[in-house]
């Protein structure tokens, strides 16, 4: 979490509201999210149709390789996927796009456990695409990365699904 916060504070130049898309939250995550004024919707998310409706309300989904990445990509939503140094085979290698989902952009680690450069690139892309607009970003921790990415941005094999706009 501290890595995520540090990078965004340093590099993000547009105002954003954050929303968490994670369906199940650890108590620690809820505390961290509250400290950062990140809105949660876990009590409203009953199934994938609720998640799809929330995704549909966003401008861009920012996520690690989770079901959210595939759902958002299948919905045709602009989706930015943060990939570990050794990604799942579905994302192929040395690509910034996905042949499966035309709306997906890939952000790859260039070294194992180095999320700082990935997050920096995400922040730069947010600045470039959204400038000074007030938008909402949706973050969902997800257990599936190896840096401890549960919002401690050690990315606790949980990932961080972030979505832009609002619900």
Foldseek 3Di string as FASTA:
>chain_A
DVLLVVLCVVQAQAAAAEEALALDDDPVLVVLCVVVNHHYDNVVDDDVVSSLVFQVQFQEKEKEPDVSQVSCLVVLHQYEYEAFQDGDCQQPPDAQAHPVGRNYGYQYDPDGQPCNVSSNVVSVVCCVPPPHDYKYKYWYFAQQGCCCLRVVVNSNHTMIMMTIHGD
